[in-house]
Amino acid sequence: MRIIAGTLRGRRLNPPQNLPVRPTTDMARESLFNILNNYVDYEECAVMDLFTGTGAVSLEFVSRGAREVTAVDINAQCTDFIKQTSNHLSISNLHVVRADVFDLLKRANRRFDIIFADPPYALDGLASLPDIVFDKKLLTDDGIFILEHPREYSFEEHPHFWQHRAYGKVNFTFFANKLEE
């Protein structure tokens, strides 16, 4: 696993073998950011990465110049690894939060430009994440919510559905307040 672009490009991430994660593949991450490059000025972005796991997506945002990134995971091994990696790379704009994502979203009171969620594919409540994000108004007016999910889910009927992309077994659905192609 490596950071694909930006100031940390090429840096390898070596998470412990026993982390309970399913990291987004390098190819899928590269494709995700190729899409976002057309819509996002990273330097202006406040990002929240839910179910962050290894932190690869968070670190990719940091590497590309995001103003601030909040990485959230309930697993202490995951958050400890991300904190260690952040310290090793001298990153100051990555905030790591150990919390249950659903509890955190219930009490969240600020808005983000990008929210990325890569929950466990068997997670109860996975399909409710877009509704929670929009009901709580957690995105800025031009904000984007990206949900990684298994192919069994379709969100095309969601009122904030914007686009869907599939890369092998990885599916990204993009949601937005302002819908445009």
N, C-alpha and C. Protein backbone atom coordinates (compact mmCIF):
# COMPACT_ATOMS: atom_id res chain seq x y z
N MET A 1 0.85 -1.16 0.00
CA MET A 1 0.00 0.00 0.00
C MET A 1 0.90 1.24 0.00
N ARG A 2 0.55 2.19 -0.86
CA ARG A 2 1.38 3.39 -0.99
C ARG A 2 0.51 4.61 -1.16
N ILE A 3 1.09 5.77 -0.91
CA ILE A 3 0.41 7.04 -1.18
C ILE A 3 0.66 7.36 -2.65
N ILE A 4 -0.39 7.67 -3.36
CA ILE A 4 -0.34 7.72 -4.82
C ILE A 4 0.15 9.05 -5.37
N ALA A 5 -0.23 10.17 -4.75
CA ALA A 5 0.13 11.47 -5.33
C ALA A 5 0.35 12.49 -4.22
N GLY A 6 0.88 13.63 -4.62
CA GLY A 6 1.07 14.73 -3.70
C GLY A 6 2.43 14.73 -3.02
N THR A 7 2.52 15.47 -1.94
CA THR A 7 3.80 15.67 -1.26
C THR A 7 4.34 14.39 -0.63
N LEU A 8 3.47 13.44 -0.35
CA LEU A 8 3.90 12.17 0.27
C LEU A 8 3.91 11.03 -0.75
N ARG A 9 3.83 11.36 -2.01
CA ARG A 9 3.76 10.37 -3.08
C ARG A 9 4.86 9.31 -2.93
N GLY A 10 4.44 8.06 -3.09
CA GLY A 10 5.38 6.95 -3.07
C GLY A 10 5.68 6.41 -1.68
N ARG A 11 5.28 7.14 -0.64
CA ARG A 11 5.53 6.63 0.72
C ARG A 11 4.73 5.37 0.94
N ARG A 12 5.36 4.37 1.46
CA ARG A 12 4.70 3.09 1.73
C ARG A 12 4.07 3.10 3.11
N LEU A 13 2.91 2.48 3.20
CA LEU A 13 2.23 2.29 4.48
C LEU A 13 2.33 0.81 4.82
N ASN A 14 2.79 0.53 6.01
CA ASN A 14 2.95 -0.86 6.42
C ASN A 14 2.16 -1.12 7.70
N PRO A 15 0.84 -1.24 7.56
CA PRO A 15 0.02 -1.48 8.74
C PRO A 15 0.29 -2.86 9.32
N PRO A 16 0.07 -3.03 10.61
CA PRO A 16 0.22 -4.35 11.21
C PRO A 16 -0.70 -5.36 10.53
N GLN A 17 -0.26 -6.59 10.45
CA GLN A 17 -1.04 -7.64 9.78
C GLN A 17 -2.38 -7.91 10.45
N ASN A 18 -2.49 -7.64 11.73
CA ASN A 18 -3.68 -8.04 12.47
C ASN A 18 -4.77 -6.96 12.52
N LEU A 19 -4.64 -5.90 11.74
CA LEU A 19 -5.70 -4.89 11.72
C LEU A 19 -6.96 -5.47 11.07
N PRO A 20 -8.12 -5.23 11.68
CA PRO A 20 -9.37 -5.76 11.12
C PRO A 20 -9.90 -4.84 10.01
N VAL A 21 -9.20 -4.80 8.88
CA VAL A 21 -9.54 -3.85 7.82
C VAL A 21 -9.59 -4.53 6.46
N ARG A 22 -10.22 -3.84 5.52
CA ARG A 22 -10.24 -4.20 4.11
C ARG A 22 -9.84 -2.92 3.37
N PRO A 23 -8.55 -2.67 3.25
CA PRO A 23 -8.13 -1.38 2.68
C PRO A 23 -8.59 -1.20 1.22
N THR A 24 -8.95 0.03 0.89
CA THR A 24 -9.26 0.37 -0.49
C THR A 24 -8.00 0.17 -1.30
N THR A 25 -8.10 -0.55 -2.39
CA THR A 25 -6.92 -0.87 -3.20
C THR A 25 -6.30 0.40 -3.77
N ASP A 26 -5.00 0.32 -4.07
CA ASP A 26 -4.31 1.46 -4.68
C ASP A 26 -5.01 1.88 -5.97
N MET A 27 -5.42 0.90 -6.78
CA MET A 27 -6.07 1.21 -8.05
C MET A 27 -7.39 1.95 -7.83
N ALA A 28 -8.21 1.47 -6.88
CA ALA A 28 -9.49 2.12 -6.61
C ALA A 28 -9.27 3.51 -6.03
N ARG A 29 -8.29 3.66 -5.13
CA ARG A 29 -7.99 4.97 -4.55
C ARG A 29 -7.54 5.94 -5.64
N GLU A 30 -6.68 5.48 -6.53
CA GLU A 30 -6.22 6.33 -7.62
C GLU A 30 -7.39 6.77 -8.50
N SER A 31 -8.30 5.86 -8.79
CA SER A 31 -9.47 6.19 -9.60
C SER A 31 -10.37 7.19 -8.87
N LEU A 32 -10.58 6.99 -7.57
CA LEU A 32 -11.38 7.91 -6.76
C LEU A 32 -10.81 9.32 -6.85
N PHE A 33 -9.51 9.45 -6.65
CA PHE A 33 -8.91 10.78 -6.66
C PHE A 33 -8.84 11.37 -8.06
N ASN A 34 -8.77 10.54 -9.08
CA ASN A 34 -8.84 11.07 -10.44
C ASN A 34 -10.19 11.73 -10.69
N ILE A 35 -11.26 11.17 -10.13
CA ILE A 35 -12.58 11.79 -10.24
C ILE A 35 -12.61 13.09 -9.44
N LEU A 36 -12.17 13.02 -8.19
CA LEU A 36 -12.23 14.20 -7.32
C LEU A 36 -11.38 15.36 -7.86
N ASN A 37 -10.28 15.06 -8.55
CA ASN A 37 -9.41 16.11 -9.09
C ASN A 37 -10.18 17.08 -9.98
N ASN A 38 -11.26 16.61 -10.60
CA ASN A 38 -12.05 17.46 -11.50
C ASN A 38 -13.02 18.38 -10.76
N TYR A 39 -13.23 18.16 -9.48
CA TYR A 39 -14.26 18.89 -8.74
C TYR A 39 -13.76 19.59 -7.48
N VAL A 40 -12.55 19.28 -7.04
CA VAL A 40 -12.13 19.67 -5.70
C VAL A 40 -10.85 20.49 -5.73
N ASP A 41 -10.85 21.56 -4.95
CA ASP A 41 -9.62 22.30 -4.64
C ASP A 41 -9.20 21.81 -3.24
N TYR A 42 -8.28 20.87 -3.20
CA TYR A 42 -7.93 20.20 -1.94
C TYR A 42 -7.49 21.19 -0.87
N GLU A 43 -6.79 22.24 -1.26
CA GLU A 43 -6.26 23.18 -0.26
C GLU A 43 -7.36 23.89 0.51
N GLU A 44 -8.57 23.89 -0.01
CA GLU A 44 -9.69 24.53 0.67
C GLU A 44 -10.55 23.53 1.45
N CYS A 45 -10.19 22.27 1.39
CA CYS A 45 -11.06 21.21 1.91
C CYS A 45 -10.84 20.84 3.36
N ALA A 46 -11.96 20.70 4.05
CA ALA A 46 -12.01 20.02 5.34
C ALA A 46 -12.64 18.66 5.04
N VAL A 47 -11.94 17.59 5.41
CA VAL A 47 -12.33 16.24 5.04
C VAL A 47 -12.57 15.41 6.29
N MET A 48 -13.59 14.56 6.24
CA MET A 48 -13.79 13.57 7.30
C MET A 48 -13.79 12.19 6.63
N ASP A 49 -12.93 11.30 7.15
CA ASP A 49 -12.78 9.94 6.65
C ASP A 49 -13.34 9.00 7.71
N LEU A 50 -14.50 8.41 7.42
CA LEU A 50 -15.18 7.54 8.37
C LEU A 50 -14.79 6.08 8.13
N PHE A 51 -14.65 5.33 9.20
CA PHE A 51 -14.20 3.93 9.13
C PHE A 51 -12.83 3.92 8.45
N THR A 52 -11.93 4.75 8.92
CA THR A 52 -10.67 5.02 8.24
C THR A 52 -9.73 3.83 8.11
N GLY A 53 -9.80 2.86 9.01
CA GLY A 53 -8.97 1.67 8.90
C GLY A 53 -7.49 2.00 8.95
N THR A 54 -6.78 1.78 7.86
CA THR A 54 -5.34 2.05 7.80
C THR A 54 -5.03 3.54 7.66
N GLY A 55 -6.03 4.34 7.31
CA GLY A 55 -5.81 5.77 7.11
C GLY A 55 -5.30 6.12 5.73
N ALA A 56 -5.27 5.17 4.81
CA ALA A 56 -4.71 5.42 3.48
C ALA A 56 -5.44 6.56 2.75
N VAL A 57 -6.76 6.59 2.85
CA VAL A 57 -7.52 7.65 2.17
C VAL A 57 -7.25 8.99 2.85
N SER A 58 -7.23 9.00 4.17
CA SER A 58 -6.90 10.24 4.91
C SER A 58 -5.54 10.76 4.50
N LEU A 59 -4.57 9.88 4.46
CA LEU A 59 -3.20 10.29 4.10
C LEU A 59 -3.12 10.77 2.66
N GLU A 60 -3.93 10.20 1.80
CA GLU A 60 -3.97 10.66 0.40
C GLU A 60 -4.50 12.09 0.34
N PHE A 61 -5.53 12.40 1.13
CA PHE A 61 -6.05 13.77 1.18
C PHE A 61 -4.99 14.72 1.74
N VAL A 62 -4.32 14.31 2.79
CA VAL A 62 -3.26 15.15 3.38
C VAL A 62 -2.17 15.39 2.34
N SER A 63 -1.74 14.35 1.67
CA SER A 63 -0.68 14.46 0.68
C SER A 63 -1.04 15.41 -0.46
N ARG A 64 -2.32 15.48 -0.77
CA ARG A 64 -2.79 16.33 -1.86
C ARG A 64 -3.10 17.75 -1.39
N GLY A 65 -2.84 18.04 -0.11
CA GLY A 65 -2.93 19.41 0.37
C GLY A 65 -4.20 19.79 1.08
N ALA A 66 -5.02 18.82 1.49
CA ALA A 66 -6.25 19.17 2.20
C ALA A 66 -5.92 20.02 3.42
N ARG A 67 -6.75 21.01 3.66
CA ARG A 67 -6.55 21.93 4.78
C ARG A 67 -6.54 21.18 6.10
N GLU A 68 -7.52 20.29 6.28
CA GLU A 68 -7.57 19.47 7.48
C GLU A 68 -8.32 18.18 7.18
N VAL A 69 -7.90 17.11 7.86
CA VAL A 69 -8.52 15.81 7.68
C VAL A 69 -8.78 15.23 9.06
N THR A 70 -10.00 14.74 9.24
CA THR A 70 -10.38 14.05 10.47
C THR A 70 -10.62 12.59 10.12
N ALA A 71 -9.83 11.70 10.72
CA ALA A 71 -9.92 10.27 10.48
C ALA A 71 -10.60 9.61 11.67
N VAL A 72 -11.67 8.85 11.42
CA VAL A 72 -12.47 8.27 12.49
C VAL A 72 -12.53 6.76 12.36
N ASP A 73 -12.23 6.07 13.45
CA ASP A 73 -12.37 4.61 13.50
C ASP A 73 -12.59 4.22 14.95
N ILE A 74 -13.30 3.13 15.16
CA ILE A 74 -13.57 2.67 16.52
C ILE A 74 -12.44 1.79 17.05
N ASN A 75 -11.63 1.23 16.15
CA ASN A 75 -10.61 0.28 16.54
C ASN A 75 -9.34 1.00 17.01
N ALA A 76 -8.92 0.72 18.23
CA ALA A 76 -7.74 1.39 18.80
C ALA A 76 -6.47 1.06 18.03
N GLN A 77 -6.34 -0.16 17.52
CA GLN A 77 -5.14 -0.50 16.74
C GLN A 77 -5.06 0.35 15.48
N CYS A 78 -6.20 0.57 14.85
CA CYS A 78 -6.23 1.41 13.64
C CYS A 78 -5.85 2.84 13.97
N THR A 79 -6.49 3.42 14.99
CA THR A 79 -6.19 4.82 15.30
C THR A 79 -4.76 4.97 15.80
N ASP A 80 -4.24 4.00 16.54
CA ASP A 80 -2.85 4.07 16.98
C ASP A 80 -1.89 4.04 15.79
N PHE A 81 -2.17 3.16 14.81
CA PHE A 81 -1.32 3.08 13.62
C PHE A 81 -1.33 4.40 12.85
N ILE A 82 -2.50 5.01 12.70
CA ILE A 82 -2.59 6.27 11.96
C ILE A 82 -1.85 7.37 12.70
N LYS A 83 -1.99 7.42 14.01
CA LYS A 83 -1.26 8.43 14.80
C LYS A 83 0.25 8.24 14.65
N GLN A 84 0.71 7.00 14.72
CA GLN A 84 2.14 6.72 14.57
C GLN A 84 2.63 7.14 13.19
N THR A 85 1.85 6.80 12.17
CA THR A 85 2.21 7.16 10.79
C THR A 85 2.24 8.68 10.64
N SER A 86 1.25 9.35 11.18
CA SER A 86 1.18 10.80 11.11
C SER A 86 2.38 11.44 11.79
N ASN A 87 2.74 10.94 12.95
CA ASN A 87 3.93 11.45 13.64
C ASN A 87 5.19 11.19 12.84
N HIS A 88 5.32 9.98 12.30
CA HIS A 88 6.50 9.61 11.51
C HIS A 88 6.65 10.51 10.28
N LEU A 89 5.52 10.90 9.68
CA LEU A 89 5.56 11.74 8.48
C LEU A 89 5.47 13.23 8.79
N SER A 90 5.47 13.59 10.08
CA SER A 90 5.39 14.99 10.53
C SER A 90 4.17 15.71 9.98
N ILE A 91 3.02 15.06 10.07
CA ILE A 91 1.77 15.63 9.59
C ILE A 91 1.09 16.35 10.75
N SER A 92 0.68 17.59 10.50
CA SER A 92 0.03 18.37 11.57
C SER A 92 -1.46 18.61 11.33
N ASN A 93 -1.96 18.32 10.15
CA ASN A 93 -3.37 18.62 9.84
C ASN A 93 -4.25 17.37 9.76
N LEU A 94 -3.79 16.28 10.36
CA LEU A 94 -4.57 15.04 10.42
C LEU A 94 -4.97 14.81 11.87
N HIS A 95 -6.28 14.82 12.12
CA HIS A 95 -6.81 14.61 13.46
C HIS A 95 -7.42 13.22 13.52
N VAL A 96 -6.96 12.41 14.43
CA VAL A 96 -7.42 11.03 14.54
C VAL A 96 -8.37 10.92 15.72
N VAL A 97 -9.55 10.37 15.46
CA VAL A 97 -10.58 10.25 16.48
C VAL A 97 -10.99 8.79 16.61
N ARG A 98 -10.88 8.27 17.82
CA ARG A 98 -11.38 6.91 18.08
C ARG A 98 -12.80 7.04 18.57
N ALA A 99 -13.75 6.58 17.75
CA ALA A 99 -15.16 6.70 18.09
C ALA A 99 -15.99 5.77 17.22
N ASP A 100 -17.17 5.43 17.71
CA ASP A 100 -18.17 4.77 16.89
C ASP A 100 -18.70 5.81 15.90
N VAL A 101 -18.66 5.49 14.63
CA VAL A 101 -19.04 6.46 13.60
C VAL A 101 -20.48 6.94 13.78
N PHE A 102 -21.41 6.03 14.05
CA PHE A 102 -22.81 6.42 14.18
C PHE A 102 -23.01 7.35 15.38
N ASP A 103 -22.34 7.07 16.50
CA ASP A 103 -22.43 7.97 17.66
C ASP A 103 -21.83 9.33 17.33
N LEU A 104 -20.69 9.32 16.66
CA LEU A 104 -20.04 10.59 16.30
C LEU A 104 -20.92 11.41 15.37
N LEU A 105 -21.53 10.77 14.38
CA LEU A 105 -22.38 11.50 13.44
C LEU A 105 -23.62 12.08 14.13
N LYS A 106 -24.15 11.37 15.12
CA LYS A 106 -25.32 11.87 15.85
C LYS A 106 -25.01 13.18 16.56
N ARG A 107 -23.80 13.31 17.06
CA ARG A 107 -23.46 14.52 17.84
C ARG A 107 -22.61 15.53 17.05
N ALA A 108 -22.33 15.22 15.80
CA ALA A 108 -21.51 16.12 14.98
C ALA A 108 -22.22 17.45 14.79
N ASN A 109 -21.44 18.52 14.83
CA ASN A 109 -22.05 19.85 14.72
C ASN A 109 -21.25 20.78 13.81
N ARG A 110 -20.50 20.20 12.90
CA ARG A 110 -19.77 21.03 11.94
C ARG A 110 -19.91 20.43 10.56
N ARG A 111 -19.52 21.20 9.56
CA ARG A 111 -19.69 20.78 8.18
C ARG A 111 -18.33 20.50 7.53
N PHE A 112 -18.35 19.62 6.57
CA PHE A 112 -17.15 19.23 5.85
C PHE A 112 -17.37 19.40 4.36
N ASP A 113 -16.28 19.61 3.65
CA ASP A 113 -16.34 19.72 2.19
C ASP A 113 -16.42 18.34 1.55
N ILE A 114 -15.75 17.37 2.18
CA ILE A 114 -15.78 16.00 1.70
C ILE A 114 -15.91 15.08 2.91
N ILE A 115 -16.84 14.14 2.80
CA ILE A 115 -16.92 13.05 3.76
C ILE A 115 -16.79 11.77 2.97
N PHE A 116 -15.84 10.95 3.37
CA PHE A 116 -15.60 9.65 2.74
C PHE A 116 -15.90 8.58 3.77
N ALA A 117 -16.65 7.55 3.39
CA ALA A 117 -16.95 6.46 4.30
C ALA A 117 -16.66 5.12 3.62
N ASP A 118 -15.87 4.30 4.29
CA ASP A 118 -15.56 2.95 3.81
C ASP A 118 -15.88 1.97 4.93
N PRO A 119 -17.18 1.76 5.19
CA PRO A 119 -17.56 0.89 6.30
C PRO A 119 -17.31 -0.58 5.96
N PRO A 120 -17.27 -1.41 7.00
CA PRO A 120 -17.25 -2.86 6.72
C PRO A 120 -18.46 -3.20 5.85
N TYR A 121 -18.27 -4.01 4.84
CA TYR A 121 -19.34 -4.29 3.89
C TYR A 121 -20.55 -4.96 4.55
N ALA A 122 -20.36 -5.68 5.65
CA ALA A 122 -21.47 -6.36 6.33
C ALA A 122 -22.07 -5.50 7.46
N LEU A 123 -21.71 -4.24 7.52
CA LEU A 123 -22.14 -3.36 8.61
C LEU A 123 -23.65 -3.15 8.61
N ASP A 124 -24.28 -3.39 9.77
CA ASP A 124 -25.68 -3.01 9.93
C ASP A 124 -25.75 -1.49 9.86
N GLY A 125 -26.65 -0.98 9.07
CA GLY A 125 -26.80 0.47 8.97
C GLY A 125 -26.02 1.11 7.85
N LEU A 126 -25.29 0.33 7.07
CA LEU A 126 -24.51 0.90 5.96
C LEU A 126 -25.40 1.76 5.06
N ALA A 127 -26.57 1.26 4.71
CA ALA A 127 -27.44 1.97 3.78
C ALA A 127 -27.99 3.28 4.36
N SER A 128 -27.93 3.44 5.68
CA SER A 128 -28.46 4.66 6.30
C SER A 128 -27.45 5.80 6.31
N LEU A 129 -26.20 5.54 5.99
CA LEU A 129 -25.17 6.58 6.09
C LEU A 129 -25.47 7.82 5.25
N PRO A 130 -25.90 7.70 3.99
CA PRO A 130 -26.21 8.93 3.24
C PRO A 130 -27.31 9.76 3.91
N ASP A 131 -28.35 9.10 4.40
CA ASP A 131 -29.43 9.85 5.05
C ASP A 131 -28.93 10.57 6.30
N ILE A 132 -28.10 9.92 7.08
CA ILE A 132 -27.57 10.55 8.29
C ILE A 132 -26.76 11.79 7.92
N VAL A 133 -25.87 11.66 6.95
CA VAL A 133 -25.02 12.78 6.53
C VAL A 133 -25.87 13.97 6.08
N PHE A 134 -26.91 13.71 5.28
CA PHE A 134 -27.72 14.81 4.76
C PHE A 134 -28.74 15.32 5.78
N ASP A 135 -29.30 14.43 6.58
CA ASP A 135 -30.24 14.88 7.62
C ASP A 135 -29.54 15.78 8.64
N LYS A 136 -28.30 15.46 8.97
CA LYS A 136 -27.52 16.25 9.94
C LYS A 136 -26.86 17.47 9.30
N LYS A 137 -26.99 17.61 7.96
CA LYS A 137 -26.40 18.73 7.22
C LYS A 137 -24.90 18.85 7.50
N LEU A 138 -24.21 17.71 7.33
CA LEU A 138 -22.78 17.66 7.63
C LEU A 138 -21.89 18.09 6.48
N LEU A 139 -22.48 18.36 5.31
CA LEU A 139 -21.70 18.81 4.16
C LEU A 139 -21.89 20.30 3.93
N THR A 140 -20.84 20.94 3.44
CA THR A 140 -20.97 22.31 2.98
C THR A 140 -21.89 22.33 1.75
N ASP A 141 -22.28 23.50 1.30
CA ASP A 141 -23.20 23.59 0.16
C ASP A 141 -22.67 22.86 -1.07
N ASP A 142 -21.37 22.95 -1.31
CA ASP A 142 -20.75 22.29 -2.46
C ASP A 142 -20.12 20.96 -2.09
N GLY A 143 -20.42 20.45 -0.90
CA GLY A 143 -19.77 19.25 -0.38
C GLY A 143 -20.15 17.98 -1.10
N ILE A 144 -19.27 16.99 -0.94
CA ILE A 144 -19.45 15.69 -1.57
C ILE A 144 -19.33 14.61 -0.49
N PHE A 145 -20.26 13.67 -0.51
CA PHE A 145 -20.18 12.48 0.34
C PHE A 145 -19.92 11.29 -0.57
N ILE A 146 -18.89 10.51 -0.24
CA ILE A 146 -18.52 9.34 -1.02
C ILE A 146 -18.64 8.12 -0.12
N LEU A 147 -19.40 7.14 -0.59
CA LEU A 147 -19.59 5.90 0.16
C LEU A 147 -19.02 4.75 -0.64
N GLU A 148 -18.08 4.03 -0.03
CA GLU A 148 -17.58 2.79 -0.63
C GLU A 148 -18.44 1.66 -0.10
N HIS A 149 -18.89 0.79 -1.01
CA HIS A 149 -19.83 -0.26 -0.61
C HIS A 149 -19.75 -1.44 -1.56
N PRO A 150 -20.33 -2.58 -1.15
CA PRO A 150 -20.36 -3.73 -2.05
C PRO A 150 -21.40 -3.52 -3.16
N ARG A 151 -21.30 -4.28 -4.20
CA ARG A 151 -22.16 -4.09 -5.37
C ARG A 151 -23.64 -4.38 -5.11
N GLU A 152 -23.95 -5.05 -4.01
CA GLU A 152 -25.35 -5.36 -3.70
C GLU A 152 -26.18 -4.11 -3.43
N TYR A 153 -25.53 -3.01 -3.13
CA TYR A 153 -26.24 -1.77 -2.80
C TYR A 153 -26.35 -0.88 -4.03
N SER A 154 -27.52 -0.26 -4.17
CA SER A 154 -27.70 0.76 -5.20
C SER A 154 -28.34 1.98 -4.52
N PHE A 155 -27.77 3.13 -4.79
CA PHE A 155 -28.27 4.37 -4.19
C PHE A 155 -28.80 5.33 -5.26
N GLU A 156 -29.05 4.82 -6.45
CA GLU A 156 -29.45 5.67 -7.57
C GLU A 156 -30.76 6.40 -7.33
N GLU A 157 -31.60 5.90 -6.44
CA GLU A 157 -32.88 6.56 -6.14
C GLU A 157 -32.76 7.57 -5.01
N HIS A 158 -31.60 7.66 -4.39
CA HIS A 158 -31.42 8.61 -3.27
C HIS A 158 -31.50 10.03 -3.82
N PRO A 159 -32.18 10.94 -3.12
CA PRO A 159 -32.34 12.31 -3.66
C PRO A 159 -31.02 13.07 -3.84
N HIS A 160 -29.96 12.65 -3.18
CA HIS A 160 -28.68 13.33 -3.34
C HIS A 160 -27.67 12.53 -4.16
N PHE A 161 -28.15 11.45 -4.79
CA PHE A 161 -27.29 10.64 -5.65
C PHE A 161 -26.72 11.50 -6.76
N TRP A 162 -25.41 11.34 -6.99
CA TRP A 162 -24.75 12.10 -8.05
C TRP A 162 -24.18 11.17 -9.11
N GLN A 163 -23.36 10.22 -8.67
CA GLN A 163 -22.79 9.27 -9.63
C GLN A 163 -22.29 8.03 -8.91
N HIS A 164 -22.13 6.97 -9.69
CA HIS A 164 -21.65 5.69 -9.16
C HIS A 164 -20.52 5.21 -10.05
N ARG A 165 -19.49 4.67 -9.44
CA ARG A 165 -18.36 4.09 -10.17
C ARG A 165 -18.01 2.75 -9.54
N ALA A 166 -17.68 1.78 -10.38
CA ALA A 166 -17.28 0.45 -9.90
C ALA A 166 -15.90 0.12 -10.44
N TYR A 167 -15.05 -0.40 -9.56
CA TYR A 167 -13.69 -0.82 -9.91
C TYR A 167 -13.51 -2.21 -9.32
N GLY A 168 -13.78 -3.23 -10.11
CA GLY A 168 -13.74 -4.59 -9.58
C GLY A 168 -14.83 -4.75 -8.53
N LYS A 169 -14.47 -5.17 -7.34
CA LYS A 169 -15.43 -5.35 -6.25
C LYS A 169 -15.68 -4.06 -5.47
N VAL A 170 -14.93 -3.02 -5.80
CA VAL A 170 -15.06 -1.74 -5.09
C VAL A 170 -16.07 -0.85 -5.81
N ASN A 171 -17.05 -0.38 -5.07
CA ASN A 171 -18.07 0.53 -5.60
C ASN A 171 -18.03 1.82 -4.82
N PHE A 172 -17.99 2.93 -5.55
CA PHE A 172 -18.08 4.25 -4.94
C PHE A 172 -19.37 4.89 -5.42
N THR A 173 -20.18 5.36 -4.47
CA THR A 173 -21.33 6.18 -4.83
C THR A 173 -21.07 7.57 -4.28
N PHE A 174 -21.26 8.56 -5.15
CA PHE A 174 -21.04 9.97 -4.81
C PHE A 174 -22.40 10.64 -4.62
N PHE A 175 -22.48 11.42 -3.55
CA PHE A 175 -23.70 12.16 -3.23
C PHE A 175 -23.30 13.63 -3.09
N ALA A 176 -24.24 14.53 -3.41
CA ALA A 176 -23.93 15.96 -3.30
C ALA A 176 -25.20 16.75 -3.02
N ASN A 177 -25.01 17.93 -2.43
CA ASN A 177 -26.13 18.87 -2.25
C ASN A 177 -26.51 19.47 -3.59
N LYS A 178 -25.51 19.94 -4.31
CA LYS A 178 -25.71 20.52 -5.64
C LYS A 178 -25.32 19.47 -6.65
N LEU A 179 -26.29 19.01 -7.39
CA LEU A 179 -26.04 17.92 -8.34
C LEU A 179 -25.71 18.48 -9.71
N GLU A 180 -24.56 18.03 -10.23
CA GLU A 180 -24.13 18.44 -11.57
C GLU A 180 -23.26 17.34 -12.14
N GLU A 181 -23.19 17.24 -13.41
CA GLU A 181 -22.35 16.23 -14.07
C GLU A 181 -21.06 16.85 -14.52
